[in-house]
Amino acid sequence: MSEHVIHLTVLEAAGESWTLLATELGVCRILFPHDELESVLPWIMKHKPGARLEENRDLFERFGVIEALEDYFAGMPVSFDRIPLDLWGTPFQLEVWKALGRIPHGEVRTYREVAEAIGRPKAVRAVGAANGANPVPVVLPCHRVVGSNKTLVGYRGGLTIKTRLLELEGVEPIEPAGHARFLF
């Protein structure tokens, strides 16, 4: 078995620490500021058994993700289209994540609209689950997906961060209406 290396670096942005993970192929995971690195180890071992972590900020700079995220958190409209990604998920998840990348800066879509955009209008709940499993938040903007009544119904990073990201993009305030477990 060949050895896998998962590169990591920490980005200080908007007063918070975001941990970035990547392979030589592209960014594979972004941890929310409240996430501990240890929480992602089972995910790494599931997809890349035996992988070792190695600090390597140069790789992320070469990918352009550091500059793009710094610009984003400084309030600039940023396209992440050119950031190489190495995503690990089911074909359905990959389809949803690709659709997330097409939601323009400063706009929101409902889970239903995302389901319709991928040609699966009845897969609203499955889209929600795939959205919640998005490994590269901000780069693939899962924060731009809202409930059918245009409220904030959930976000793995917490509704506080989701609200802050949407405000950063100039989205009019959206009422939180999600489950209490997301109210952090």
Protein backbone atom coordinates (compact mmCIF):
# COMPACT_ATOMS: atom_id res chain seq x y z
CA MET A 1 0.00 0.00 0.00
CA SER A 2 1.40 3.38 -0.95
CA GLU A 3 1.65 5.99 1.73
CA HIS A 4 -0.84 8.83 1.58
CA VAL A 5 0.06 12.27 2.84
CA ILE A 6 -2.60 14.74 3.87
CA HIS A 7 -1.17 18.23 3.95
CA LEU A 8 -2.49 20.78 6.40
CA THR A 9 -2.20 24.41 7.30
CA VAL A 10 -4.10 26.84 9.46
CA LEU A 11 -5.52 30.03 8.00
CA GLU A 12 -6.18 32.93 10.34
CA ALA A 13 -9.08 34.84 8.83
CA ALA A 14 -11.83 37.04 10.22
CA GLY A 15 -10.43 36.53 13.71
CA GLU A 16 -10.76 32.76 13.53
CA SER A 17 -8.61 29.74 12.69
CA TRP A 18 -9.68 27.60 9.74
CA THR A 19 -7.76 24.33 9.25
CA LEU A 20 -7.25 23.35 5.62
CA LEU A 21 -6.42 19.82 4.45
CA ALA A 22 -5.29 18.76 0.99
CA THR A 23 -3.70 16.01 -1.04
CA GLU A 24 -1.34 16.69 -3.91
CA LEU A 25 -4.45 16.78 -6.13
CA GLY A 26 -6.36 19.50 -4.29
CA VAL A 27 -8.08 20.75 -1.17
CA CYS A 28 -10.03 17.91 0.45
CA ARG A 29 -11.34 19.37 3.72
CA ILE A 30 -11.83 22.67 5.52
CA LEU A 31 -12.55 22.56 9.22
CA PHE A 32 -14.75 25.14 10.87
CA PRO A 33 -13.05 27.20 13.57
CA HIS A 34 -14.74 25.20 16.34
CA ASP A 35 -13.72 21.81 14.85
CA GLU A 36 -10.81 19.93 16.38
CA LEU A 37 -8.37 18.22 14.02
CA GLU A 38 -8.95 14.95 15.91
CA SER A 39 -12.61 15.02 14.85
CA VAL A 40 -11.64 14.57 11.20
CA LEU A 41 -9.18 11.69 11.72
CA PRO A 42 -11.82 8.93 11.33
CA TRP A 43 -12.90 10.54 8.03
CA ILE A 44 -9.30 10.56 6.83
CA MET A 45 -8.74 6.94 7.87
CA LYS A 46 -11.96 5.90 6.10
CA HIS A 47 -10.86 7.44 2.80
CA LYS A 48 -7.06 7.26 3.03
CA PRO A 49 -6.12 4.46 5.45
CA GLY A 50 -2.64 4.88 6.84
CA ALA A 51 -2.38 8.52 5.75
CA ARG A 52 -0.12 10.80 7.72
CA LEU A 53 -0.59 14.51 8.30
CA GLU A 54 2.13 16.94 7.30
CA GLU A 55 2.25 20.74 7.62
CA ASN A 56 2.70 22.32 4.17
CA ARG A 57 1.47 25.89 3.71
CA ASP A 58 3.26 26.18 0.34
CA LEU A 59 0.91 23.65 -1.27
CA PHE A 60 -2.15 25.70 -0.28
CA GLU A 61 -0.53 28.89 -1.54
CA ARG A 62 0.25 27.14 -4.84
CA PHE A 63 -3.40 26.05 -5.09
CA GLY A 64 -4.44 29.69 -4.57
CA VAL A 65 -6.81 28.84 -1.74
CA ILE A 66 -5.03 30.96 0.90
CA GLU A 67 -5.30 34.16 -1.15
CA ALA A 68 -8.85 33.38 -2.24
CA LEU A 69 -10.05 32.75 1.32
CA GLU A 70 -8.25 35.84 2.65
CA ASP A 71 -9.95 37.94 -0.04
CA TYR A 72 -13.30 36.30 0.71
CA PHE A 73 -13.05 36.98 4.45
CA ALA A 74 -12.03 40.57 3.65
CA GLY A 75 -15.45 40.95 2.02
CA MET A 76 -14.48 40.66 -1.64
CA PRO A 77 -16.59 38.62 -4.07
CA VAL A 78 -14.45 35.59 -4.84
CA SER A 79 -14.83 32.74 -7.29
CA PHE A 80 -13.30 29.52 -6.06
CA ASP A 81 -13.62 27.88 -9.51
CA ARG A 82 -9.88 27.58 -10.02
CA ILE A 83 -9.09 26.01 -6.66
CA PRO A 84 -8.21 22.35 -7.24
CA LEU A 85 -10.32 20.02 -5.13
CA ASP A 86 -9.88 16.37 -4.20
CA LEU A 87 -13.35 15.46 -2.96
CA TRP A 88 -14.22 12.09 -1.44
CA GLY A 89 -17.90 11.24 -1.53
CA THR A 90 -20.62 9.27 -3.23
CA PRO A 91 -21.57 10.11 -6.81
CA PHE A 92 -24.72 11.82 -5.49
CA GLN A 93 -22.74 13.90 -2.97
CA LEU A 94 -20.29 14.93 -5.68
CA GLU A 95 -23.21 16.00 -7.88
CA VAL A 96 -24.69 18.14 -5.08
CA TRP A 97 -21.30 19.64 -4.18
CA LYS A 98 -20.72 20.59 -7.81
CA ALA A 99 -24.12 22.33 -7.80
CA LEU A 100 -23.14 24.26 -4.66
CA GLY A 101 -20.16 25.66 -6.55
CA ARG A 102 -22.56 27.16 -9.10
CA ILE A 103 -24.50 29.27 -6.56
CA PRO A 104 -23.30 32.85 -7.16
CA HIS A 105 -21.69 34.96 -4.46
CA GLY A 106 -24.32 36.93 -2.58
CA GLU A 107 -27.24 34.69 -3.58
CA VAL A 108 -29.05 31.85 -1.86
CA ARG A 109 -30.89 28.78 -3.11
CA THR A 110 -33.32 26.49 -1.32
CA TYR A 111 -32.63 22.79 -0.90
CA ARG A 112 -35.48 22.21 -3.37
CA GLU A 113 -33.85 24.51 -5.93
CA VAL A 114 -30.57 22.61 -5.59
CA ALA A 115 -32.43 19.31 -6.00
CA GLU A 116 -34.12 20.65 -9.14
CA ALA A 117 -30.80 22.00 -10.46
CA ILE A 118 -29.31 18.49 -10.40
CA GLY A 119 -32.41 16.99 -12.03
CA ARG A 120 -33.64 15.25 -8.87
CA PRO A 121 -36.56 17.37 -7.67
CA LYS A 122 -37.76 14.78 -5.12
CA ALA A 123 -34.35 14.39 -3.48
CA VAL A 124 -34.69 17.44 -1.23
CA ARG A 125 -33.77 15.61 2.00
CA ALA A 126 -30.88 13.81 0.32
CA VAL A 127 -29.62 17.17 -0.96
CA GLY A 128 -29.79 18.44 2.62
CA ALA A 129 -27.75 15.49 3.85
CA ALA A 130 -25.15 15.92 1.08
CA ASN A 131 -25.03 19.66 1.76
CA GLY A 132 -24.34 18.92 5.43
CA ALA A 133 -21.55 16.53 4.47
CA ASN A 134 -19.79 19.10 2.27
CA PRO A 135 -16.11 18.74 3.16
CA VAL A 136 -15.01 22.17 1.90
CA PRO A 137 -17.36 24.81 3.30
CA VAL A 138 -16.94 28.35 1.97
CA VAL A 139 -15.12 27.05 -1.14
CA LEU A 140 -18.25 25.06 -2.02
CA PRO A 141 -20.77 27.45 -0.46
CA CYS A 142 -23.17 25.23 1.44
CA HIS A 143 -23.94 28.30 3.58
CA ARG A 144 -25.86 29.69 0.58
CA VAL A 145 -28.53 26.98 0.88
CA VAL A 146 -31.62 27.83 2.93
CA GLY A 147 -34.98 26.29 3.78
CA SER A 148 -37.95 26.44 1.44
CA ASN A 149 -39.44 29.23 3.56
CA LYS A 150 -36.16 31.16 3.06
CA THR A 151 -35.01 30.64 6.66
CA LEU A 152 -31.77 29.27 8.05
CA VAL A 153 -32.68 25.71 8.93
CA GLY A 154 -29.30 24.20 9.68
CA TYR A 155 -25.58 24.36 9.18
CA ARG A 156 -22.86 22.01 10.38
CA GLY A 157 -20.72 25.03 11.23
CA GLY A 158 -23.52 26.57 13.29
CA LEU A 159 -26.02 29.23 12.34
CA THR A 160 -23.81 32.00 13.75
CA ILE A 161 -21.11 31.27 11.16
CA LYS A 162 -23.70 30.74 8.40
CA THR A 163 -25.25 34.13 9.19
CA ARG A 164 -21.82 35.80 9.27
CA LEU A 165 -20.84 34.30 5.89
CA LEU A 166 -24.10 35.42 4.29
CA GLU A 167 -23.73 38.92 5.76
CA LEU A 168 -20.18 39.04 4.42
CA GLU A 169 -21.67 38.45 0.97
CA GLY A 170 -24.28 41.17 1.42
CA VAL A 171 -27.24 38.81 1.73
CA GLU A 172 -30.14 40.45 3.57
CA PRO A 173 -30.53 39.04 7.09
CA ILE A 174 -32.30 35.69 7.09
CA GLU A 175 -34.24 34.47 10.10
CA PRO A 176 -32.85 31.37 11.84
CA ALA A 177 -35.52 28.69 12.14
CA GLY A 178 -33.39 25.58 12.43
CA HIS A 179 -33.03 22.93 15.05
CA ALA A 180 -31.55 24.05 18.38
CA ARG A 181 -28.46 21.90 17.75
CA PHE A 182 -27.36 24.42 15.08
CA LEU A 183 -27.75 27.50 17.28
CA PHE A 184 -24.09 28.09 18.05
